[in-house]
């Protein structure tokens, strides 16, 4: 299918009424569905850095932004990683040490996340 035809079909679908919701509500729904689609289809995009070490700078970039699904998808795409790893970075950055298992307290990746989070002023 050509891009033009794809665009036309997509716009026709977007023009359909959805359960009597407003245009603005529909756009929020569409945005959420696109994020969900990307999250569920990450194997279709480049994830060549999945499992590779993170740099402090990469972690700072992520942690300086809000922990939303949209940002998890954005950074997964940007850094060629899995969605879950970005989600875990956000989660570990604010998890209190007292709530971690002994194994997690000594994990080098979690220590790195905590160090970067502290540097930028996140509490956890």
PDB file of N, CA and C in Angstrom:
ATOM      1  N   UNK A   1       0.850  -1.169   0.000  1.00  0.00           N
ATOM      2  CA  UNK A   1       0.000   0.000   0.000  1.00  0.00           C
ATOM      3  C   UNK A   1       0.903   1.242   0.000  1.00  0.00           C
ATOM      4  N   UNK A   2       0.545   2.191  -0.783  1.00  0.00           N
ATOM      5  CA  UNK A   2       1.291   3.453  -0.853  1.00  0.00           C
ATOM      6  C   UNK A   2       0.973   4.308   0.374  1.00  0.00           C
ATOM      7  N   UNK A   3       1.892   5.199   0.724  1.00  0.00           N
ATOM      8  CA  UNK A   3       1.696   6.083   1.886  1.00  0.00           C
ATOM      9  C   UNK A   3       0.423   6.908   1.771  1.00  0.00           C
ATOM     10  N   UNK A   4       0.175   7.414   0.585  1.00  0.00           N
ATOM     11  CA  UNK A   4      -1.011   8.249   0.386  1.00  0.00           C
ATOM     12  C   UNK A   4      -2.285   7.465   0.677  1.00  0.00           C
ATOM     13  N   UNK A   5      -2.341   6.226   0.175  1.00  0.00           N
ATOM     14  CA  UNK A   5      -3.514   5.391   0.414  1.00  0.00           C
ATOM     15  C   UNK A   5      -3.638   5.053   1.903  1.00  0.00           C
ATOM     16  N   UNK A   6      -2.518   4.762   2.533  1.00  0.00           N
ATOM     17  CA  UNK A   6      -2.527   4.473   3.968  1.00  0.00           C
ATOM     18  C   UNK A   6      -3.063   5.669   4.753  1.00  0.00           C
ATOM     19  N   UNK A   7      -2.572   6.852   4.412  1.00  0.00           N
ATOM     20  CA  UNK A   7      -3.023   8.078   5.082  1.00  0.00           C
ATOM     21  C   UNK A   7      -4.521   8.276   4.896  1.00  0.00           C
ATOM     22  N   UNK A   8      -5.002   8.096   3.683  1.00  0.00           N
ATOM     23  CA  UNK A   8      -6.429   8.275   3.400  1.00  0.00           C
ATOM     24  C   UNK A   8      -7.273   7.297   4.218  1.00  0.00           C
ATOM     25  N   UNK A   9      -6.856   6.040   4.273  1.00  0.00           N
ATOM     26  CA  UNK A   9      -7.597   5.030   5.040  1.00  0.00           C
ATOM     27  C   UNK A   9      -7.582   5.343   6.537  1.00  0.00           C
ATOM     28  N   UNK A  10      -6.434   5.759   7.007  1.00  0.00           N
ATOM     29  CA  UNK A  10      -6.319   6.097   8.427  1.00  0.00           C
ATOM     30  C   UNK A  10      -7.210   7.284   8.766  1.00  0.00           C
ATOM     31  N   UNK A  11      -7.185   8.311   7.935  1.00  0.00           N
ATOM     32  CA  UNK A  11      -8.019   9.484   8.185  1.00  0.00           C
ATOM     33  C   UNK A  11      -9.509   9.139   8.135  1.00  0.00           C
ATOM     34  N   UNK A  12      -9.892   8.234   7.232  1.00  0.00           N
ATOM     35  CA  UNK A  12     -11.285   7.792   7.186  1.00  0.00           C
ATOM     36  C   UNK A  12     -11.670   7.091   8.487  1.00  0.00           C
ATOM     37  N   UNK A  13     -10.785   6.262   8.990  1.00  0.00           N
ATOM     38  CA  UNK A  13     -11.051   5.585  10.269  1.00  0.00           C
ATOM     39  C   UNK A  13     -11.153   6.603  11.399  1.00  0.00           C
ATOM     40  N   UNK A  14     -10.301   7.614  11.372  1.00  0.00           N
ATOM     41  CA  UNK A  14     -10.324   8.640  12.421  1.00  0.00           C
ATOM     42  C   UNK A  14     -11.576   9.508  12.354  1.00  0.00           C
ATOM     43  N   UNK A  15     -12.179   9.593  11.187  1.00  0.00           N
ATOM     44  CA  UNK A  15     -13.407  10.378  11.025  1.00  0.00           C
ATOM     45  C   UNK A  15     -14.647   9.663  11.574  1.00  0.00           C
ATOM     46  N   UNK A  16     -14.533   8.372  11.841  1.00  0.00           N
ATOM     47  CA  UNK A  16     -15.671   7.602  12.353  1.00  0.00           C
ATOM     48  C   UNK A  16     -16.024   8.051  13.768  1.00  0.00           C
ATOM     49  N   UNK A  17     -17.324   7.996  14.103  1.00  0.00           N
ATOM     50  CA  UNK A  17     -17.776   8.280  15.468  1.00  0.00           C
ATOM     51  C   UNK A  17     -17.411   7.105  16.363  1.00  0.00           C
ATOM     52  N   UNK A  18     -17.068   7.423  17.601  1.00  0.00           N
ATOM     53  CA  UNK A  18     -16.705   6.391  18.577  1.00  0.00           C
ATOM     54  C   UNK A  18     -17.553   6.597  19.822  1.00  0.00           C
ATOM     55  N   UNK A  19     -18.520   5.737  20.038  1.00  0.00           N
ATOM     56  CA  UNK A  19     -19.339   5.728  21.254  1.00  0.00           C
ATOM     57  C   UNK A  19     -19.757   7.109  21.748  1.00  0.00           C
ATOM     58  N   UNK A  20     -20.015   8.027  20.846  1.00  0.00           N
ATOM     59  CA  UNK A  20     -20.498   9.348  21.228  1.00  0.00           C
ATOM     60  C   UNK A  20     -19.486  10.209  21.974  1.00  0.00           C
ATOM     61  N   UNK A  21     -18.204   9.909  21.861  1.00  0.00           N
ATOM     62  CA  UNK A  21     -17.206  10.741  22.547  1.00  0.00           C
ATOM     63  C   UNK A  21     -16.871  11.954  21.693  1.00  0.00           C
ATOM     64  N   UNK A  22     -16.354  12.991  22.339  1.00  0.00           N
ATOM     65  CA  UNK A  22     -16.008  14.216  21.629  1.00  0.00           C
ATOM     66  C   UNK A  22     -14.750  14.006  20.792  1.00  0.00           C
ATOM     67  N   UNK A  23     -14.505  14.963  19.918  1.00  0.00           N
ATOM     68  CA  UNK A  23     -13.298  14.916  19.087  1.00  0.00           C
ATOM     69  C   UNK A  23     -12.052  14.868  19.968  1.00  0.00           C
ATOM     70  N   UNK A  24     -12.000  15.730  20.985  1.00  0.00           N
ATOM     71  CA  UNK A  24     -10.824  15.759  21.865  1.00  0.00           C
ATOM     72  C   UNK A  24     -10.641  14.431  22.584  1.00  0.00           C
ATOM     73  N   UNK A  25     -11.726  13.851  23.056  1.00  0.00           N
ATOM     74  CA  UNK A  25     -11.650  12.541  23.726  1.00  0.00           C
ATOM     75  C   UNK A  25     -11.173  11.471  22.753  1.00  0.00           C
ATOM     76  N   UNK A  26     -11.609  11.578  21.505  1.00  0.00           N
ATOM     77  CA  UNK A  26     -11.187  10.609  20.491  1.00  0.00           C
ATOM     78  C   UNK A  26      -9.690  10.739  20.214  1.00  0.00           C
ATOM     79  N   UNK A  27      -9.181  11.956  20.178  1.00  0.00           N
ATOM     80  CA  UNK A  27      -7.755  12.147  19.928  1.00  0.00           C
ATOM     81  C   UNK A  27      -6.910  11.584  21.088  1.00  0.00           C
ATOM     82  N   UNK A  28      -7.394  11.740  22.303  1.00  0.00           N
ATOM     83  CA  UNK A  28      -6.715  11.146  23.462  1.00  0.00           C
ATOM     84  C   UNK A  28      -6.723   9.621  23.328  1.00  0.00           C
ATOM     85  N   UNK A  29      -7.860   9.066  22.931  1.00  0.00           N
ATOM     86  CA  UNK A  29      -7.976   7.625  22.718  1.00  0.00           C
ATOM     87  C   UNK A  29      -7.006   7.156  21.638  1.00  0.00           C
ATOM     88  N   UNK A  30      -6.977   7.862  20.510  1.00  0.00           N
ATOM     89  CA  UNK A  30      -6.102   7.494  19.393  1.00  0.00           C
ATOM     90  C   UNK A  30      -4.644   7.535  19.834  1.00  0.00           C
ATOM     91  N   UNK A  31      -4.274   8.578  20.540  1.00  0.00           N
ATOM     92  CA  UNK A  31      -2.887   8.693  21.008  1.00  0.00           C
ATOM     93  C   UNK A  31      -2.538   7.513  21.923  1.00  0.00           C
ATOM     94  N   UNK A  32      -3.427   7.196  22.831  1.00  0.00           N
ATOM     95  CA  UNK A  32      -3.195   6.070  23.737  1.00  0.00           C
ATOM     96  C   UNK A  32      -3.092   4.746  22.990  1.00  0.00           C
ATOM     97  N   UNK A  33      -3.927   4.583  21.968  1.00  0.00           N
ATOM     98  CA  UNK A  33      -3.883   3.354  21.178  1.00  0.00           C
ATOM     99  C   UNK A  33      -2.583   3.241  20.387  1.00  0.00           C
ATOM    100  N   UNK A  34      -2.073   4.360  19.878  1.00  0.00           N
ATOM    101  CA  UNK A  34      -0.796   4.338  19.157  1.00  0.00           C
ATOM    102  C   UNK A  34       0.347   3.938  20.093  1.00  0.00           C
ATOM    103  N   UNK A  35       0.335   4.476  21.307  1.00  0.00           N
ATOM    104  CA  UNK A  35       1.354   4.111  22.291  1.00  0.00           C
ATOM    105  C   UNK A  35       1.254   2.624  22.609  1.00  0.00           C
ATOM    106  N   UNK A  36       0.031   2.149  22.826  1.00  0.00           N
ATOM    107  CA  UNK A  36      -0.193   0.733  23.120  1.00  0.00           C
ATOM    108  C   UNK A  36       0.279  -0.145  21.960  1.00  0.00           C
ATOM    109  N   UNK A  37      -0.010   0.278  20.737  1.00  0.00           N
ATOM    110  CA  UNK A  37       0.410  -0.483  19.557  1.00  0.00           C
ATOM    111  C   UNK A  37       1.931  -0.576  19.488  1.00  0.00           C
ATOM    112  N   UNK A  38       2.607   0.548  19.706  1.00  0.00           N
ATOM    113  CA  UNK A  38       4.076   0.535  19.671  1.00  0.00           C
ATOM    114  C   UNK A  38       4.642  -0.358  20.763  1.00  0.00           C
ATOM    115  N   UNK A  39       4.063  -0.268  21.943  1.00  0.00           N
ATOM    116  CA  UNK A  39       4.522  -1.073  23.079  1.00  0.00           C
ATOM    117  C   UNK A  39       4.385  -2.565  22.775  1.00  0.00           C
ATOM    118  N   UNK A  40       3.263  -2.964  22.207  1.00  0.00           N
ATOM    119  CA  UNK A  40       2.994  -4.372  21.935  1.00  0.00           C
ATOM    120  C   UNK A  40       3.714  -4.907  20.698  1.00  0.00           C
ATOM    121  N   UNK A  41       4.276  -4.015  19.887  1.00  0.00           N
ATOM    122  CA  UNK A  41       4.933  -4.439  18.648  1.00  0.00           C
ATOM    123  C   UNK A  41       6.396  -4.026  18.599  1.00  0.00           C
ATOM    124  N   UNK A  42       7.046  -3.993  19.737  1.00  0.00           N
ATOM    125  CA  UNK A  42       8.425  -3.506  19.756  1.00  0.00           C
ATOM    126  C   UNK A  42       9.368  -4.398  18.960  1.00  0.00           C
ATOM    127  N   UNK A  43       9.008  -5.666  18.757  1.00  0.00           N
ATOM    128  CA  UNK A  43       9.882  -6.552  17.979  1.00  0.00           C
ATOM    129  C   UNK A  43       9.955  -6.136  16.516  1.00  0.00           C
ATOM    130  N   UNK A  44       9.063  -5.248  16.089  1.00  0.00           N
ATOM    131  CA  UNK A  44       9.057  -4.777  14.703  1.00  0.00           C
ATOM    132  C   UNK A  44      10.008  -3.606  14.482  1.00  0.00           C
ATOM    133  N   UNK A  45      10.539  -3.060  15.576  1.00  0.00           N
ATOM    134  CA  UNK A  45      11.462  -1.933  15.413  1.00  0.00           C
ATOM    135  C   UNK A  45      12.858  -2.353  15.864  1.00  0.00           C
ATOM    136  N   UNK A  46      13.803  -1.473  15.661  1.00  0.00           N
ATOM    137  CA  UNK A  46      15.197  -1.736  15.998  1.00  0.00           C
ATOM    138  C   UNK A  46      15.377  -1.719  17.516  1.00  0.00           C
ATOM    139  N   UNK A  47      15.741  -2.859  18.084  1.00  0.00           N
ATOM    140  CA  UNK A  47      16.041  -2.948  19.524  1.00  0.00           C
ATOM    141  C   UNK A  47      17.443  -3.532  19.707  1.00  0.00           C
ATOM    142  N   UNK A  48      18.364  -3.086  18.856  1.00  0.00           N
ATOM    143  CA  UNK A  48      19.712  -3.653  18.851  1.00  0.00           C
ATOM    144  C   UNK A  48      20.492  -3.383  20.136  1.00  0.00           C
ATOM    145  N   UNK A  49      20.102  -2.390  20.907  1.00  0.00           N
ATOM    146  CA  UNK A  49      20.813  -2.102  22.161  1.00  0.00           C
ATOM    147  C   UNK A  49      20.191  -2.798  23.362  1.00  0.00           C
ATOM    148  N   UNK A  50      19.157  -3.607  23.128  1.00  0.00           N
ATOM    149  CA  UNK A  50      18.501  -4.308  24.223  1.00  0.00           C
ATOM    150  C   UNK A  50      19.532  -5.183  24.939  1.00  0.00           C
ATOM    151  N   UNK A  51      19.636  -5.005  26.252  1.00  0.00           N
ATOM    152  CA  UNK A  51      20.576  -5.777  27.055  1.00  0.00           C
ATOM    153  C   UNK A  51      21.956  -5.152  27.178  1.00  0.00           C
ATOM    154  N   UNK A  52      22.227  -4.089  26.411  1.00  0.00           N
ATOM    155  CA  UNK A  52      23.535  -3.423  26.482  1.00  0.00           C
ATOM    156  C   UNK A  52      23.595  -2.525  27.719  1.00  0.00           C
ATOM    157  N   UNK A  53      24.810  -2.190  28.142  1.00  0.00           N
ATOM    158  CA  UNK A  53      24.978  -1.309  29.300  1.00  0.00           C
ATOM    159  C   UNK A  53      24.441   0.083  28.974  1.00  0.00           C
ATOM    160  N   UNK A  54      23.956   0.748  30.024  1.00  0.00           N
ATOM    161  CA  UNK A  54      23.457   2.118  29.913  1.00  0.00           C
ATOM    162  C   UNK A  54      24.551   3.083  30.345  1.00  0.00           C
ATOM    163  N   UNK A  55      24.574   4.255  29.709  1.00  0.00           N
ATOM    164  CA  UNK A  55      25.475   5.301  30.179  1.00  0.00           C
ATOM    165  C   UNK A  55      24.706   6.179  31.173  1.00  0.00           C
ATOM    166  N   UNK A  56      25.450   6.881  32.015  1.00  0.00           N
ATOM    167  CA  UNK A  56      24.809   7.801  32.951  1.00  0.00           C
ATOM    168  C   UNK A  56      24.030   8.878  32.200  1.00  0.00           C
ATOM    169  N   UNK A  57      24.566   9.329  31.094  1.00  0.00           N
ATOM    170  CA  UNK A  57      23.889  10.371  30.309  1.00  0.00           C
ATOM    171  C   UNK A  57      22.549   9.887  29.782  1.00  0.00           C
ATOM    172  N   UNK A  58      22.490   8.668  29.289  1.00  0.00           N
ATOM    173  CA  UNK A  58      21.218   8.116  28.806  1.00  0.00           C
ATOM    174  C   UNK A  58      20.200   8.058  29.940  1.00  0.00           C
ATOM    175  N   UNK A  59      20.652   7.614  31.107  1.00  0.00           N
ATOM    176  CA  UNK A  59      19.753   7.532  32.260  1.00  0.00           C
ATOM    177  C   UNK A  59      19.270   8.915  32.676  1.00  0.00           C
ATOM    178  N   UNK A  60      20.152   9.903  32.633  1.00  0.00           N
ATOM    179  CA  UNK A  60      19.757  11.276  32.980  1.00  0.00           C
ATOM    180  C   UNK A  60      18.680  11.787  32.034  1.00  0.00           C
ATOM    181  N   UNK A  61      18.878  11.547  30.747  1.00  0.00           N
ATOM    182  CA  UNK A  61      17.902  12.003  29.757  1.00  0.00           C
ATOM    183  C   UNK A  61      16.528  11.420  30.075  1.00  0.00           C
ATOM    184  N   UNK A  62      16.494  10.141  30.385  1.00  0.00           N
ATOM    185  CA  UNK A  62      15.227   9.481  30.695  1.00  0.00           C
ATOM    186  C   UNK A  62      14.633  10.029  31.983  1.00  0.00           C
ATOM    187  N   UNK A  63      15.438  10.087  33.030  1.00  0.00           N
ATOM    188  CA  UNK A  63      14.926  10.453  34.351  1.00  0.00           C
ATOM    189  C   UNK A  63      14.556  11.927  34.484  1.00  0.00           C
ATOM    190  N   UNK A  64      15.041  12.750  33.575  1.00  0.00           N
ATOM    191  CA  UNK A  64      14.656  14.160  33.602  1.00  0.00           C
ATOM    192  C   UNK A  64      13.289  14.396  32.965  1.00  0.00           C
ATOM    193  N   UNK A  65      12.715  13.345  32.410  1.00  0.00           N
ATOM    194  CA  UNK A  65      11.401  13.444  31.780  1.00  0.00           C
ATOM    195  C   UNK A  65      10.382  12.676  32.625  1.00  0.00           C
ATOM    196  N   UNK A  66       9.116  12.979  32.436  1.00  0.00           N
ATOM    197  CA  UNK A  66       8.045  12.347  33.216  1.00  0.00           C
ATOM    198  C   UNK A  66       7.934  10.853  32.910  1.00  0.00           C
ATOM    199  N   UNK A  67       7.615  10.051  33.925  1.00  0.00           N
ATOM    200  CA  UNK A  67       7.480   8.605  33.729  1.00  0.00           C
ATOM    201  C   UNK A  67       6.114   8.214  33.152  1.00  0.00           C
ATOM    202  N   UNK A  68       5.928   8.502  31.880  1.00  0.00           N
ATOM    203  CA  UNK A  68       4.661   8.182  31.211  1.00  0.00           C
ATOM    204  C   UNK A  68       4.883   7.053  30.209  1.00  0.00           C
ATOM    205  N   UNK A  69       3.787   6.434  29.796  1.00  0.00           N
ATOM    206  CA  UNK A  69       3.879   5.396  28.767  1.00  0.00           C
ATOM    207  C   UNK A  69       4.451   5.974  27.475  1.00  0.00           C
ATOM    208  N   UNK A  70       4.014   7.202  27.152  1.00  0.00           N
ATOM    209  CA  UNK A  70       4.501   7.856  25.938  1.00  0.00           C
ATOM    210  C   UNK A  70       6.014   8.019  25.979  1.00  0.00           C
ATOM    211  N   UNK A  71       6.539   8.435  27.141  1.00  0.00           N
ATOM    212  CA  UNK A  71       7.979   8.621  27.257  1.00  0.00           C
ATOM    213  C   UNK A  71       8.722   7.288  27.259  1.00  0.00           C
ATOM    214  N   UNK A  72       8.124   6.259  27.829  1.00  0.00           N
ATOM    215  CA  UNK A  72       8.752   4.934  27.777  1.00  0.00           C
ATOM    216  C   UNK A  72       8.909   4.492  26.324  1.00  0.00           C
ATOM    217  N   UNK A  73       7.877   4.675  25.522  1.00  0.00           N
ATOM    218  CA  UNK A  73       7.942   4.319  24.105  1.00  0.00           C
ATOM    219  C   UNK A  73       8.961   5.202  23.389  1.00  0.00           C
ATOM    220  N   UNK A  74       8.925   6.500  23.665  1.00  0.00           N
ATOM    221  CA  UNK A  74       9.834   7.442  23.008  1.00  0.00           C
ATOM    222  C   UNK A  74      11.290   7.070  23.265  1.00  0.00           C
ATOM    223  N   UNK A  75      11.630   6.810  24.522  1.00  0.00           N
ATOM    224  CA  UNK A  75      13.024   6.496  24.849  1.00  0.00           C
ATOM    225  C   UNK A  75      13.421   5.092  24.431  1.00  0.00           C
ATOM    226  N   UNK A  76      12.483   4.171  24.431  1.00  0.00           N
ATOM    227  CA  UNK A  76      12.783   2.830  23.924  1.00  0.00           C
ATOM    228  C   UNK A  76      13.171   2.934  22.449  1.00  0.00           C
ATOM    229  N   UNK A  77      12.406   3.728  21.704  1.00  0.00           N
ATOM    230  CA  UNK A  77      12.700   3.925  20.284  1.00  0.00           C
ATOM    231  C   UNK A  77      14.028   4.664  20.107  1.00  0.00           C
ATOM    232  N   UNK A  78      14.216   5.738  20.865  1.00  0.00           N
ATOM    233  CA  UNK A  78      15.423   6.558  20.741  1.00  0.00           C
ATOM    234  C   UNK A  78      16.699   5.769  21.040  1.00  0.00           C
ATOM    235  N   UNK A  79      16.664   4.998  22.121  1.00  0.00           N
ATOM    236  CA  UNK A  79      17.863   4.275  22.543  1.00  0.00           C
ATOM    237  C   UNK A  79      17.913   2.833  22.030  1.00  0.00           C
ATOM    238  N   UNK A  80      16.948   2.458  21.196  1.00  0.00           N
ATOM    239  CA  UNK A  80      16.890   1.127  20.598  1.00  0.00           C
ATOM    240  C   UNK A  80      16.893   0.046  21.675  1.00  0.00           C
ATOM    241  N   UNK A  81      15.969   0.232  22.635  1.00  0.00           N
ATOM    242  CA  UNK A  81      15.838  -0.666  23.780  1.00  0.00           C
ATOM    243  C   UNK A  81      14.404  -1.177  23.861  1.00  0.00           C
ATOM    244  N   UNK A  82      14.160  -2.035  24.823  1.00  0.00           N
ATOM    245  CA  UNK A  82      12.812  -2.518  25.072  1.00  0.00           C
ATOM    246  C   UNK A  82      12.047  -1.548  25.953  1.00  0.00           C
ATOM    247  N   UNK A  83      10.741  -1.533  25.777  1.00  0.00           N
ATOM    248  CA  UNK A  83       9.865  -0.676  26.572  1.00  0.00           C
ATOM    249  C   UNK A  83      10.037  -0.965  28.063  1.00  0.00           C
ATOM    250  N   UNK A  84      10.107  -2.229  28.423  1.00  0.00           N
ATOM    251  CA  UNK A  84      10.196  -2.626  29.824  1.00  0.00           C
ATOM    252  C   UNK A  84      11.427  -2.101  30.523  1.00  0.00           C
ATOM    253  N   UNK A  85      12.530  -1.976  29.814  1.00  0.00           N
ATOM    254  CA  UNK A  85      13.753  -1.476  30.457  1.00  0.00           C
ATOM    255  C   UNK A  85      13.609  -0.004  30.839  1.00  0.00           C
ATOM    256  N   UNK A  86      12.928   0.764  30.011  1.00  0.00           N
ATOM    257  CA  UNK A  86      12.708   2.174  30.327  1.00  0.00           C
ATOM    258  C   UNK A  86      11.769   2.276  31.531  1.00  0.00           C
ATOM    259  N   UNK A  87      10.737   1.468  31.512  1.00  0.00           N
ATOM    260  CA  UNK A  87       9.792   1.437  32.626  1.00  0.00           C
ATOM    261  C   UNK A  87      10.512   1.074  33.933  1.00  0.00           C
ATOM    262  N   UNK A  88      11.424   0.125  33.863  1.00  0.00           N
ATOM    263  CA  UNK A  88      12.179  -0.278  35.052  1.00  0.00           C
ATOM    264  C   UNK A  88      13.092   0.838  35.556  1.00  0.00           C
ATOM    265  N   UNK A  89      13.673   1.595  34.650  1.00  0.00           N
ATOM    266  CA  UNK A  89      14.521   2.719  35.055  1.00  0.00           C
ATOM    267  C   UNK A  89      13.706   3.700  35.882  1.00  0.00           C
ATOM    268  N   UNK A  90      12.532   4.040  35.390  1.00  0.00           N
ATOM    269  CA  UNK A  90      11.668   4.947  36.153  1.00  0.00           C
ATOM    270  C   UNK A  90      11.303   4.331  37.508  1.00  0.00           C
ATOM    271  N   UNK A  91      10.947   3.067  37.499  1.00  0.00           N
ATOM    272  CA  UNK A  91      10.502   2.397  38.731  1.00  0.00           C
ATOM    273  C   UNK A  91      11.627   2.328  39.772  1.00  0.00           C
ATOM    274  N   UNK A  92      12.826   1.884  39.338  1.00  0.00           N
ATOM    275  CA  UNK A  92      13.925   1.739  40.299  1.00  0.00           C
ATOM    276  C   UNK A  92      14.417   3.097  40.800  1.00  0.00           C
ATOM    277  N   UNK A  93      14.267   4.122  40.010  1.00  0.00           N
ATOM    278  CA  UNK A  93      14.765   5.441  40.428  1.00  0.00           C
ATOM    279  C   UNK A  93      14.031   5.973  41.653  1.00  0.00           C
ATOM    280  N   UNK A  94      12.797   5.519  41.876  1.00  0.00           N
ATOM    281  CA  UNK A  94      12.013   6.034  43.004  1.00  0.00           C
ATOM    282  C   UNK A  94      11.688   4.970  44.056  1.00  0.00           C
ATOM    283  N   UNK A  95      12.183   3.760  43.852  1.00  0.00           N
ATOM    284  CA  UNK A  95      11.947   2.707  44.839  1.00  0.00           C
ATOM    285  C   UNK A  95      12.898   2.906  46.015  1.00  0.00           C
ATOM    286  N   UNK A  96      12.334   2.972  47.202  1.00  0.00           N
ATOM    287  CA  UNK A  96      13.147   3.151  48.406  1.00  0.00           C
ATOM    288  C   UNK A  96      13.995   1.905  48.658  1.00  0.00           C
ATOM    289  N   UNK A  97      15.226   2.104  49.120  1.00  0.00           N
ATOM    290  CA  UNK A  97      16.126   0.973  49.406  1.00  0.00           C
ATOM    291  C   UNK A  97      15.491  -0.003  50.392  1.00  0.00           C
ATOM    292  N   UNK A  98      14.742   0.526  51.346  1.00  0.00           N
ATOM    293  CA  UNK A  98      14.129  -0.350  52.358  1.00  0.00           C
ATOM    294  C   UNK A  98      13.099  -1.292  51.735  1.00  0.00           C
ATOM    295  N   UNK A  99      12.592  -0.952  50.556  1.00  0.00           N
ATOM    296  CA  UNK A  99      11.604  -1.784  49.876  1.00  0.00           C
ATOM    297  C   UNK A  99      12.235  -2.783  48.899  1.00  0.00           C
ATOM    298  N   UNK A 100      13.573  -2.792  48.827  1.00  0.00           N
ATOM    299  CA  UNK A 100      14.278  -3.681  47.901  1.00  0.00           C
ATOM    300  C   UNK A 100      14.763  -4.934  48.627  1.00  0.00           C
ATOM    301  N   UNK A 101      14.879  -6.002  47.866  1.00  0.00           N
ATOM    302  CA  UNK A 101      15.495  -7.211  48.401  1.00  0.00           C
ATOM    303  C   UNK A 101      16.998  -6.964  48.515  1.00  0.00           C
ATOM    304  N   UNK A 102      17.671  -7.775  49.302  1.00  0.00           N
ATOM    305  CA  UNK A 102      19.127  -7.637  49.442  1.00  0.00           C
ATOM    306  C   UNK A 102      19.819  -7.784  48.090  1.00  0.00           C
ATOM    307  N   UNK A 103      19.293  -8.678  47.262  1.00  0.00           N
ATOM    308  CA  UNK A 103      19.857  -8.896  45.929  1.00  0.00           C
ATOM    309  C   UNK A 103      19.769  -7.621  45.084  1.00  0.00           C
ATOM    310  N   UNK A 104      18.649  -6.933  45.139  1.00  0.00           N
ATOM    311  CA  UNK A 104      18.458  -5.711  44.359  1.00  0.00           C
ATOM    312  C   UNK A 104      19.335  -4.566  44.869  1.00  0.00           C
ATOM    313  N   UNK A 105      19.567  -4.528  46.168  1.00  0.00           N
ATOM    314  CA  UNK A 105      20.369  -3.446  46.753  1.00  0.00           C
ATOM    315  C   UNK A 105      21.799  -3.451  46.239  1.00  0.00           C
ATOM    316  N   UNK A 106      22.298  -4.601  45.812  1.00  0.00           N
ATOM    317  CA  UNK A 106      23.679  -4.694  45.330  1.00  0.00           C
ATOM    318  C   UNK A 106      23.766  -4.821  43.803  1.00  0.00           C
ATOM    319  N   UNK A 107      22.638  -4.791  43.123  1.00  0.00           N
ATOM    320  CA  UNK A 107      22.615  -4.883  41.662  1.00  0.00           C
ATOM    321  C   UNK A 107      23.276  -3.642  41.067  1.00  0.00           C
ATOM    322  N   UNK A 108      24.259  -3.837  40.185  1.00  0.00           N
ATOM    323  CA  UNK A 108      25.038  -2.711  39.641  1.00  0.00           C
ATOM    324  C   UNK A 108      24.176  -1.755  38.812  1.00  0.00           C
ATOM    325  N   UNK A 109      23.217  -2.279  38.063  1.00  0.00           N
ATOM    326  CA  UNK A 109      22.367  -1.419  37.259  1.00  0.00           C
ATOM    327  C   UNK A 109      21.465  -0.573  38.145  1.00  0.00           C
ATOM    328  N   UNK A 110      20.892  -1.175  39.167  1.00  0.00           N
ATOM    329  CA  UNK A 110      20.035  -0.420  40.087  1.00  0.00           C
ATOM    330  C   UNK A 110      20.859   0.625  40.834  1.00  0.00           C
ATOM    331  N   UNK A 111      22.079   0.274  41.223  1.00  0.00           N
ATOM    332  CA  UNK A 111      22.967   1.249  41.880  1.00  0.00           C
ATOM    333  C   UNK A 111      23.237   2.435  40.946  1.00  0.00           C
ATOM    334  N   UNK A 112      23.467   2.136  39.674  1.00  0.00           N
ATOM    335  CA  UNK A 112      23.722   3.196  38.697  1.00  0.00           C
ATOM    336  C   UNK A 112      22.496   4.099  38.555  1.00  0.00           C
ATOM    337  N   UNK A 113      21.318   3.506  38.461  1.00  0.00           N
ATOM    338  CA  UNK A 113      20.085   4.286  38.359  1.00  0.00           C
ATOM    339  C   UNK A 113      19.925   5.172  39.587  1.00  0.00           C
ATOM    340  N   UNK A 114      20.132   4.603  40.776  1.00  0.00           N
ATOM    341  CA  UNK A 114      19.980   5.357  42.028  1.00  0.00           C
ATOM    342  C   UNK A 114      20.978   6.510  42.084  1.00  0.00           C
ATOM    343  N   UNK A 115      22.204   6.264  41.636  1.00  0.00           N
ATOM    344  CA  UNK A 115      23.243   7.306  41.637  1.00  0.00           C
ATOM    345  C   UNK A 115      22.831   8.469  40.727  1.00  0.00           C
ATOM    346  N   UNK A 116      22.401   8.143  39.521  1.00  0.00           N
ATOM    347  CA  UNK A 116      21.970   9.180  38.575  1.00  0.00           C
ATOM    348  C   UNK A 116      20.734   9.914  39.102  1.00  0.00           C
ATOM    349  N   UNK A 117      19.801   9.166  39.649  1.00  0.00           N
ATOM    350  CA  UNK A 117      18.583   9.791  40.192  1.00  0.00           C
ATOM    351  C   UNK A 117      18.949  10.762  41.309  1.00  0.00           C
ATOM    352  N   UNK A 118      19.885  10.393  42.151  1.00  0.00           N
ATOM    353  CA  UNK A 118      20.319  11.270  43.242  1.00  0.00           C
ATOM    354  C   UNK A 118      20.974  12.526  42.673  1.00  0.00           C
ATOM    355  N   UNK A 119      21.806  12.358  41.653  1.00  0.00           N
ATOM    356  CA  UNK A 119      22.492  13.493  41.032  1.00  0.00           C
ATOM    357  C   UNK A 119      21.509  14.533  40.504  1.00  0.00           C
ATOM    358  N   UNK A 120      20.379  14.063  39.981  1.00  0.00           N
ATOM    359  CA  UNK A 120      19.421  15.017  39.397  1.00  0.00           C
ATOM    360  C   UNK A 120      18.329  15.415  40.387  1.00  0.00           C
ATOM    361  N   UNK A 121      18.423  14.898  41.601  1.00  0.00           N
ATOM    362  CA  UNK A 121      17.518  15.343  42.653  1.00  0.00           C
ATOM    363  C   UNK A 121      16.237  14.555  42.820  1.00  0.00           C
ATOM    364  N   UNK A 122      16.177  13.339  42.263  1.00  0.00           N
ATOM    365  CA  UNK A 122      14.997  12.501  42.493  1.00  0.00           C
ATOM    366  C   UNK A 122      15.109  11.827  43.847  1.00  0.00           C
ATOM    367  N   UNK A 123      13.986  11.629  44.482  1.00  0.00           N
ATOM    368  CA  UNK A 123      13.982  10.944  45.782  1.00  0.00           C
ATOM    369  C   UNK A 123      13.521   9.518  45.595  1.00  0.00           C
ATOM    370  N   UNK A 124      14.074   8.651  46.419  1.00  0.00           N
ATOM    371  CA  UNK A 124      13.655   7.270  46.321  1.00  0.00           C
ATOM    372  C   UNK A 124      14.455   6.357  47.198  1.00  0.00           C
TER     373      UNK A 124
END
